[in-house]
Amino acid sequence: MRSLLTAAAISLAFTLFLTPVFLRLFRAWGWGQVIRTPENVHNPSHSAKRGTVTMGGTIFIAGTIVGYLVGTFVGANPPTISGWLVVWMMVGFGAVGFIDDFMKVRSQRSLGLSGWRKVLGQVLVAVPFGIVALMFPNAAGQTPASPYISVFRDVPWLGFMTLGVVVGTILYLLWITFIGVAFSNSVNVTDGLDGLAAGAGVFVVGAYSLIAFWQFNQACSGSALSPDLGAACYDVRDPFDLAIISASFIGALVGFLWWNAPKAQVFMGDVGSMAIGGVIAAMAVLTRTELLAVLVAGVFIIGPGSVILQRLYFRLTRGKRLFLMSPFHHHLEMRGWSEITIVVRMWIIAGMLAVMGVGFFYVEWLVRA
């Protein structure tokens, strides 16, 4: 518990107190936001945000790593391969976003990496994650991830390797890549208003910290609290370390949100939104709850879901629009909603969906216990 609390506190202090220092550096380097928006978006005009410091995601990425390392050292809980895999997804996806942001800032145009180049970068991060996640078994034979599709835990009849090692491995890597690319881009689409993605990310990753800590307390092996729980136990490697890294990420996001909330003094940029998506994807895979993530992180599905619906409706009706503008939060802006109203209500939705996900997770355990 000391590691978990220390990690959260250190990362919170890092982003809360050091963000102004980073902002001065970013301004000196010319990292100002490039914004292109229609004139009929009413509240407030996004053009007024042009020049706001961006790429702030680098701050909470650094804060997370510092908090995680200090927390594990203070509590005498050395980092595990599972924790490093989460860091890999966070930093790797963040690096793809950083390149995209830097290209926009350098050219002063809202055009960075093309869509396919961005996806290629995400694939190059997700595939090594998937490969390593099936390696390094501990004394109990547990690897960080498993070759099964999972809801609350692995579903035995949804194993990829039942189709053969070669085919199963390929399908498994495609599954892991899909999860990583989907969540990374979903958070990126959602990050359109001050504080929206950061605040929602606190709820989502907070839910995963609770899930990981519960799995630690109810582990099939290695838990002093629940050494033998039968069918109710969780066969997850390093759940406590997953709780530590997620707690560190939450602390970093909360501290960053102080400066990112409306009216934002810094934007996270693609480097931040993709890093959040990477952490969510990694936590879903490593806690064996990939399908449950659709509910826990449901707030990040609203935005891209509205974009998909808008395009389908446009094609089916030959030019008509379902929303005034997509993603959905921009539709609400064009309906006259204030930015702060949209952001706070999206936070409420994020909290409700995260609580529902944790609730279903706990109910499943009660049924088995």
Protein backbone atom coordinates (compact mmCIF):
# COMPACT_ATOMS: atom_id res chain seq x y z
CA MET A 1 0.00 0.00 0.00
CA ARG A 2 2.92 2.35 0.70
CA SER A 3 4.12 1.94 -2.90
CA LEU A 4 0.70 2.71 -4.31
CA LEU A 5 0.11 5.84 -2.24
CA THR A 6 3.65 7.13 -2.72
CA ALA A 7 3.49 6.63 -6.50
CA ALA A 8 0.22 8.57 -6.72
CA ALA A 9 1.47 11.37 -4.44
CA ILE A 10 4.81 11.84 -6.22
CA SER A 11 3.29 11.90 -9.71
CA LEU A 12 0.60 14.32 -8.52
CA ALA A 13 3.19 16.67 -7.02
CA PHE A 14 5.34 16.40 -10.14
CA THR A 15 2.65 17.57 -12.58
CA LEU A 16 0.92 19.96 -10.19
CA PHE A 17 4.01 21.96 -9.23
CA LEU A 18 6.35 21.47 -12.18
CA THR A 19 3.92 22.07 -15.04
CA PRO A 20 4.54 25.87 -14.94
CA VAL A 21 8.26 25.19 -15.37
CA PHE A 22 7.59 23.00 -18.39
CA LEU A 23 5.22 25.61 -19.83
CA ARG A 24 7.98 28.22 -19.83
CA LEU A 25 10.23 25.80 -21.69
CA PHE A 26 7.51 24.88 -24.18
CA ARG A 27 6.77 28.55 -24.90
CA ALA A 28 10.46 29.17 -25.51
CA TRP A 29 10.51 26.25 -27.93
CA GLY A 30 7.43 27.55 -29.75
CA TRP A 31 5.13 24.67 -28.91
CA GLY A 32 1.87 26.52 -29.57
CA GLN A 33 -1.39 24.84 -30.58
CA VAL A 34 -2.47 24.98 -34.22
CA ILE A 35 -6.28 25.08 -34.46
CA ARG A 36 -8.63 24.88 -37.39
CA THR A 37 -12.34 25.10 -36.56
CA PRO A 38 -15.57 26.15 -38.28
CA GLU A 39 -16.78 29.66 -37.48
CA ASN A 40 -20.22 28.40 -36.46
CA VAL A 41 -18.98 26.61 -33.32
CA HIS A 42 -20.47 28.97 -30.78
CA ASN A 43 -18.92 28.49 -27.36
CA PRO A 44 -16.35 29.69 -27.13
CA SER A 45 -14.62 30.31 -30.46
CA HIS A 46 -11.84 27.77 -30.64
CA SER A 47 -9.77 30.21 -32.65
CA ALA A 48 -9.16 32.09 -29.37
CA LYS A 49 -7.19 29.05 -28.17
CA ARG A 50 -4.66 29.32 -30.98
CA GLY A 51 -1.14 29.51 -29.58
CA THR A 52 -1.96 27.81 -26.25
CA VAL A 53 0.97 25.64 -25.18
CA THR A 54 0.53 22.09 -26.41
CA MET A 55 2.25 18.69 -26.14
CA GLY A 56 1.61 18.79 -22.40
CA GLY A 57 1.15 15.03 -22.41
CA THR A 58 4.92 14.79 -22.10
CA ILE A 59 4.55 16.25 -18.61
CA PHE A 60 2.23 13.61 -17.20
CA ILE A 61 4.12 10.84 -19.00
CA ALA A 62 7.30 11.96 -17.21
CA GLY A 63 5.40 12.40 -13.94
CA THR A 64 3.98 8.88 -14.18
CA ILE A 65 7.40 7.31 -14.67
CA VAL A 66 8.94 9.28 -11.81
CA GLY A 67 6.06 8.46 -9.46
CA TYR A 68 6.12 4.78 -10.43
CA LEU A 69 9.86 4.38 -9.86
CA VAL A 70 9.84 6.26 -6.56
CA GLY A 71 6.76 4.38 -5.35
CA THR A 72 8.19 0.94 -6.11
CA PHE A 73 11.49 1.88 -4.46
CA VAL A 74 9.91 3.31 -1.29
CA GLY A 75 7.62 0.33 -0.82
CA ALA A 76 10.28 -2.25 -1.68
CA ASN A 77 8.17 -3.55 -4.56
CA PRO A 78 10.56 -3.67 -7.53
CA PRO A 79 9.05 -2.91 -10.95
CA THR A 80 7.80 -6.00 -12.77
CA ILE A 81 7.57 -6.85 -16.45
CA SER A 82 3.84 -6.07 -16.29
CA GLY A 83 4.48 -2.55 -15.03
CA TRP A 84 7.12 -1.96 -17.68
CA LEU A 85 4.72 -3.14 -20.37
CA VAL A 86 2.25 -0.44 -19.31
CA VAL A 87 5.08 2.10 -19.44
CA TRP A 88 6.01 0.83 -22.91
CA MET A 89 2.49 1.38 -24.25
CA MET A 90 2.26 4.79 -22.61
CA VAL A 91 5.61 6.01 -23.91
CA GLY A 92 5.36 4.25 -27.28
CA PHE A 93 1.93 5.57 -28.20
CA GLY A 94 2.90 8.92 -26.72
CA ALA A 95 5.94 9.00 -29.01
CA VAL A 96 3.72 8.48 -32.07
CA GLY A 97 1.54 11.35 -30.89
CA PHE A 98 4.62 13.49 -30.19
CA ILE A 99 5.81 13.10 -33.78
CA ASP A 100 2.35 14.07 -35.02
CA ASP A 101 2.23 17.12 -32.73
CA PHE A 102 5.76 18.22 -33.57
CA MET A 103 5.03 18.10 -37.30
CA LYS A 104 1.98 20.32 -36.78
CA VAL A 105 3.83 22.81 -34.60
CA ARG A 106 6.82 22.97 -36.89
CA SER A 107 4.78 23.59 -40.03
CA GLN A 108 2.10 25.64 -38.20
CA ARG A 109 -0.58 23.63 -39.97
CA SER A 110 -3.13 21.21 -38.56
CA LEU A 111 -1.64 18.40 -40.64
CA GLY A 112 0.73 15.99 -38.96
CA LEU A 113 1.14 12.30 -39.62
CA SER A 114 -1.28 10.83 -42.14
CA GLY A 115 -3.83 8.40 -40.77
CA TRP A 116 -2.08 5.29 -42.05
CA ARG A 117 1.34 6.42 -40.86
CA LYS A 118 -0.10 7.04 -37.43
CA VAL A 119 -1.65 3.56 -37.38
CA LEU A 120 1.65 2.05 -38.55
CA GLY A 121 3.42 3.70 -35.64
CA GLN A 122 0.81 2.34 -33.23
CA VAL A 123 1.20 -1.15 -34.70
CA LEU A 124 4.98 -0.96 -34.20
CA VAL A 125 4.31 -0.30 -30.51
CA ALA A 126 1.47 -2.80 -29.96
CA VAL A 127 3.07 -5.85 -31.63
CA PRO A 128 6.19 -5.95 -29.41
CA PHE A 129 3.91 -5.41 -26.42
CA GLY A 130 1.86 -8.45 -27.41
CA ILE A 131 4.91 -10.62 -28.00
CA VAL A 132 6.63 -9.75 -24.72
CA ALA A 133 3.34 -10.06 -22.81
CA LEU A 134 3.29 -13.80 -23.57
CA MET A 135 6.84 -14.26 -22.31
CA PHE A 136 8.58 -14.13 -18.92
CA PRO A 137 6.41 -16.52 -16.85
CA ASN A 138 6.79 -16.23 -13.09
CA ALA A 139 7.23 -19.11 -10.63
CA ALA A 140 3.52 -19.95 -10.97
CA GLY A 141 3.76 -20.02 -14.76
CA GLN A 142 1.80 -16.78 -15.21
CA THR A 143 2.71 -14.50 -18.10
CA PRO A 144 1.66 -10.81 -18.17
CA ALA A 145 -1.02 -11.47 -20.81
CA SER A 146 -2.78 -14.60 -22.00
CA PRO A 147 -3.82 -15.90 -25.44
CA TYR A 148 -7.52 -15.69 -24.55
CA ILE A 149 -10.23 -13.14 -25.10
CA SER A 150 -11.36 -11.97 -21.67
CA VAL A 151 -14.34 -10.29 -20.04
CA PHE A 152 -13.90 -10.42 -16.26
CA ARG A 153 -11.20 -13.04 -16.66
CA ASP A 154 -10.07 -15.36 -19.45
CA VAL A 155 -12.88 -17.13 -21.30
CA PRO A 156 -11.60 -20.74 -21.76
CA TRP A 157 -13.35 -21.39 -25.08
CA LEU A 158 -12.10 -18.09 -26.59
CA GLY A 159 -8.44 -19.09 -26.77
CA PHE A 160 -6.47 -18.21 -29.88
CA MET A 161 -4.02 -21.10 -29.56
CA THR A 162 -6.80 -23.67 -30.04
CA LEU A 163 -6.42 -22.82 -33.75
CA GLY A 164 -2.74 -23.76 -33.78
CA VAL A 165 0.39 -21.97 -32.66
CA VAL A 166 1.04 -20.04 -35.88
CA VAL A 167 -2.54 -19.03 -36.65
CA GLY A 168 -3.29 -18.46 -32.97
CA THR A 169 -0.26 -16.21 -32.51
CA ILE A 170 -1.17 -14.13 -35.55
CA LEU A 171 -4.78 -13.73 -34.39
CA TYR A 172 -3.62 -12.88 -30.87
CA LEU A 173 -1.29 -10.16 -32.14
CA LEU A 174 -4.05 -8.78 -34.37
CA TRP A 175 -6.36 -8.69 -31.31
CA ILE A 176 -3.79 -6.89 -29.15
CA THR A 177 -3.03 -4.44 -31.96
CA PHE A 178 -6.72 -3.74 -32.50
CA ILE A 179 -7.21 -2.97 -28.81
CA GLY A 180 -4.21 -0.64 -28.71
CA VAL A 181 -5.03 1.23 -31.92
CA ALA A 182 -8.74 1.46 -31.07
CA PHE A 183 -8.31 2.94 -27.60
CA SER A 184 -5.45 5.21 -28.60
CA ASN A 185 -7.41 6.75 -31.45
CA SER A 186 -10.63 6.85 -29.42
CA VAL A 187 -9.04 9.00 -26.73
CA ASN A 188 -7.46 11.13 -29.44
CA VAL A 189 -10.87 11.80 -31.01
CA THR A 190 -12.37 12.59 -27.59
CA ASP A 191 -9.64 15.12 -26.78
CA GLY A 192 -11.40 18.12 -28.31
CA LEU A 193 -12.33 20.27 -25.31
CA ASP A 194 -10.33 21.61 -22.36
CA GLY A 195 -9.88 18.93 -19.72
CA LEU A 196 -12.26 16.43 -21.34
CA ALA A 197 -9.83 13.59 -22.03
CA ALA A 198 -7.75 14.16 -18.88
CA GLY A 199 -10.74 14.18 -16.54
CA ALA A 200 -12.36 11.17 -18.19
CA GLY A 201 -9.01 9.37 -18.10
CA VAL A 202 -8.85 9.81 -14.33
CA PHE A 203 -12.12 7.90 -13.93
CA VAL A 204 -11.24 5.15 -16.40
CA VAL A 205 -7.71 4.46 -15.18
CA GLY A 206 -8.95 4.86 -11.60
CA ALA A 207 -11.39 2.02 -12.23
CA TYR A 208 -8.55 -0.12 -13.52
CA SER A 209 -6.44 0.66 -10.48
CA LEU A 210 -9.29 -0.64 -8.30
CA ILE A 211 -9.68 -3.73 -10.48
CA ALA A 212 -5.97 -4.51 -10.31
CA PHE A 213 -5.84 -3.99 -6.55
CA TRP A 214 -8.86 -6.28 -6.07
CA GLN A 215 -7.18 -8.91 -8.22
CA PHE A 216 -4.13 -8.65 -5.98
CA ASN A 217 -6.24 -9.24 -2.87
CA GLN A 218 -8.06 -12.15 -4.55
CA ALA A 219 -5.13 -13.68 -6.42
CA CYS A 220 -4.97 -17.42 -7.02
CA SER A 221 -1.41 -17.39 -5.73
CA GLY A 222 0.95 -14.97 -4.06
CA SER A 223 -1.64 -13.14 -1.96
CA ALA A 224 -1.36 -13.28 1.81
CA LEU A 225 -4.96 -12.06 2.16
CA SER A 226 -6.60 -14.65 -0.05
CA PRO A 227 -4.28 -17.58 -0.70
CA ASP A 228 -6.98 -20.04 -1.83
CA LEU A 229 -10.23 -18.76 -3.30
CA GLY A 230 -11.02 -21.51 -5.79
CA ALA A 231 -13.03 -20.35 -8.79
CA ALA A 232 -13.26 -16.77 -7.47
CA CYS A 233 -9.53 -16.09 -7.61
CA TYR A 234 -7.75 -14.21 -10.40
CA ASP A 235 -4.93 -15.74 -12.42
CA VAL A 236 -3.23 -12.42 -13.16
CA ARG A 237 0.49 -11.79 -12.96
CA ASP A 238 1.71 -8.74 -10.98
CA PRO A 239 -1.70 -7.19 -10.16
CA PHE A 240 -0.26 -5.04 -7.37
CA ASP A 241 2.34 -3.55 -9.70
CA LEU A 242 -0.44 -2.81 -12.19
CA ALA A 243 -2.28 -0.99 -9.41
CA ILE A 244 0.87 1.02 -8.65
CA ILE A 245 1.52 2.14 -12.22
CA SER A 246 -2.14 3.02 -12.77
CA ALA A 247 -2.24 4.96 -9.47
CA SER A 248 0.85 6.86 -10.57
CA PHE A 249 -0.84 7.67 -13.88
CA ILE A 250 -3.96 8.89 -12.09
CA GLY A 251 -1.92 11.19 -9.86
CA ALA A 252 -0.10 12.60 -12.88
CA LEU A 253 -3.39 13.20 -14.72
CA VAL A 254 -5.00 14.93 -11.73
CA GLY A 255 -2.04 17.27 -11.35
CA PHE A 256 -2.05 18.00 -15.07
CA LEU A 257 -5.80 18.58 -15.03
CA TRP A 258 -5.25 21.54 -12.68
CA TRP A 259 -3.64 23.34 -15.63
CA ASN A 260 -5.67 21.67 -18.40
CA ALA A 261 -9.19 22.27 -17.05
CA PRO A 262 -11.24 25.04 -18.74
CA LYS A 263 -9.83 27.51 -19.56
CA ALA A 264 -6.77 25.42 -20.31
CA GLN A 265 -3.29 26.86 -19.94
CA VAL A 266 -1.85 23.79 -21.67
CA PHE A 267 -3.19 21.15 -24.05
CA MET A 268 -2.07 17.55 -23.81
CA GLY A 269 -1.81 17.14 -27.59
CA ASP A 270 -1.78 13.83 -29.41
CA VAL A 271 1.20 12.80 -27.28
CA GLY A 272 -1.07 12.89 -24.21
CA SER A 273 -4.28 11.47 -25.67
CA MET A 274 -2.50 8.54 -27.31
CA ALA A 275 -0.58 7.84 -24.10
CA ILE A 276 -3.87 7.66 -22.18
CA GLY A 277 -5.24 5.24 -24.77
CA GLY A 278 -2.10 3.14 -24.50
CA VAL A 279 -2.41 2.86 -20.72
CA ILE A 280 -6.09 1.88 -20.96
CA ALA A 281 -5.32 -0.77 -23.59
CA ALA A 282 -2.41 -2.18 -21.58
CA MET A 283 -4.42 -2.33 -18.36
CA ALA A 284 -7.31 -4.05 -20.13
CA VAL A 285 -5.03 -6.71 -21.60
CA LEU A 286 -2.92 -7.30 -18.49
CA THR A 287 -5.89 -7.48 -16.09
CA ARG A 288 -7.67 -9.89 -18.47
CA THR A 289 -10.66 -7.56 -18.97
CA GLU A 290 -10.48 -6.57 -22.65
CA LEU A 291 -14.22 -6.75 -23.33
CA LEU A 292 -15.13 -5.16 -19.99
CA ALA A 293 -13.05 -2.17 -21.12
CA VAL A 294 -15.82 -1.29 -23.58
CA LEU A 295 -17.95 -0.38 -20.55
CA VAL A 296 -15.23 0.94 -18.21
CA ALA A 297 -13.83 3.21 -20.93
CA GLY A 298 -17.18 3.74 -22.62
CA VAL A 299 -16.86 7.52 -22.51
CA PHE A 300 -14.05 7.25 -25.05
CA ILE A 301 -16.30 5.30 -27.42
CA ILE A 302 -18.92 8.05 -27.65
CA GLY A 303 -16.74 10.35 -29.77
CA PRO A 304 -15.51 7.89 -32.40
CA GLY A 305 -18.90 6.15 -32.34
CA SER A 306 -20.58 9.41 -33.30
CA VAL A 307 -18.08 9.90 -36.14
CA ILE A 308 -18.86 6.42 -37.51
CA LEU A 309 -22.63 6.99 -37.22
CA GLN A 310 -22.30 10.38 -38.91
CA ARG A 311 -20.49 8.88 -41.91
CA LEU A 312 -22.85 5.92 -42.23
CA TYR A 313 -25.93 8.15 -42.00
CA PHE A 314 -24.42 10.57 -44.53
CA ARG A 315 -23.91 7.78 -47.05
CA LEU A 316 -27.25 6.04 -46.47
CA THR A 317 -29.26 9.28 -46.74
CA ARG A 318 -27.16 10.72 -49.58
CA GLY A 319 -25.87 13.80 -47.87
CA LYS A 320 -27.97 14.28 -44.74
CA ARG A 321 -26.30 14.60 -41.34
CA LEU A 322 -27.25 12.89 -38.10
CA PHE A 323 -25.28 15.39 -35.98
CA LEU A 324 -24.56 19.04 -36.62
CA MET A 325 -20.91 18.10 -36.30
CA SER A 326 -18.94 15.09 -35.12
CA PRO A 327 -17.47 14.06 -32.71
CA PHE A 328 -20.52 14.37 -30.47
CA HIS A 329 -19.06 17.02 -28.12
CA HIS A 330 -18.78 19.41 -31.06
CA HIS A 331 -22.42 18.72 -31.93
CA LEU A 332 -23.33 19.88 -28.42
CA GLU A 333 -21.22 23.01 -28.88
CA MET A 334 -23.10 23.85 -32.05
CA ARG A 335 -26.35 23.35 -30.15
CA GLY A 336 -25.22 26.18 -27.87
CA TRP A 337 -23.92 24.23 -24.88
CA SER A 338 -21.07 25.92 -23.04
CA GLU A 339 -17.72 24.14 -23.07
CA ILE A 340 -17.58 23.71 -19.29
CA THR A 341 -21.09 22.19 -19.27
CA ILE A 342 -20.13 19.63 -21.90
CA VAL A 343 -16.88 18.74 -20.17
CA VAL A 344 -18.38 18.28 -16.70
CA ARG A 345 -21.29 16.20 -18.00
CA MET A 346 -18.91 14.01 -19.98
CA TRP A 347 -16.91 13.55 -16.77
CA ILE A 348 -20.14 12.46 -15.05
CA ILE A 349 -20.80 9.96 -17.83
CA ALA A 350 -17.21 8.71 -17.56
CA GLY A 351 -17.61 8.22 -13.82
CA MET A 352 -20.92 6.39 -14.13
CA LEU A 353 -19.62 4.02 -16.81
CA ALA A 354 -16.43 3.34 -14.84
CA VAL A 355 -18.43 2.61 -11.69
CA MET A 356 -20.74 0.32 -13.64
CA GLY A 357 -17.76 -1.56 -15.01
CA VAL A 358 -16.24 -2.04 -11.57
CA GLY A 359 -19.68 -3.00 -10.24
CA PHE A 360 -20.17 -5.74 -12.84
CA PHE A 361 -16.61 -6.92 -12.15
CA TYR A 362 -17.40 -7.24 -8.44
CA VAL A 363 -20.76 -8.92 -9.02
CA GLU A 364 -19.07 -11.56 -11.18
CA TRP A 365 -16.70 -12.26 -8.30
CA LEU A 366 -19.63 -12.54 -5.83
CA VAL A 367 -21.32 -15.08 -8.07
CA ARG A 368 -18.18 -17.22 -8.15
CA ALA A 369 -17.24 -16.80 -4.47
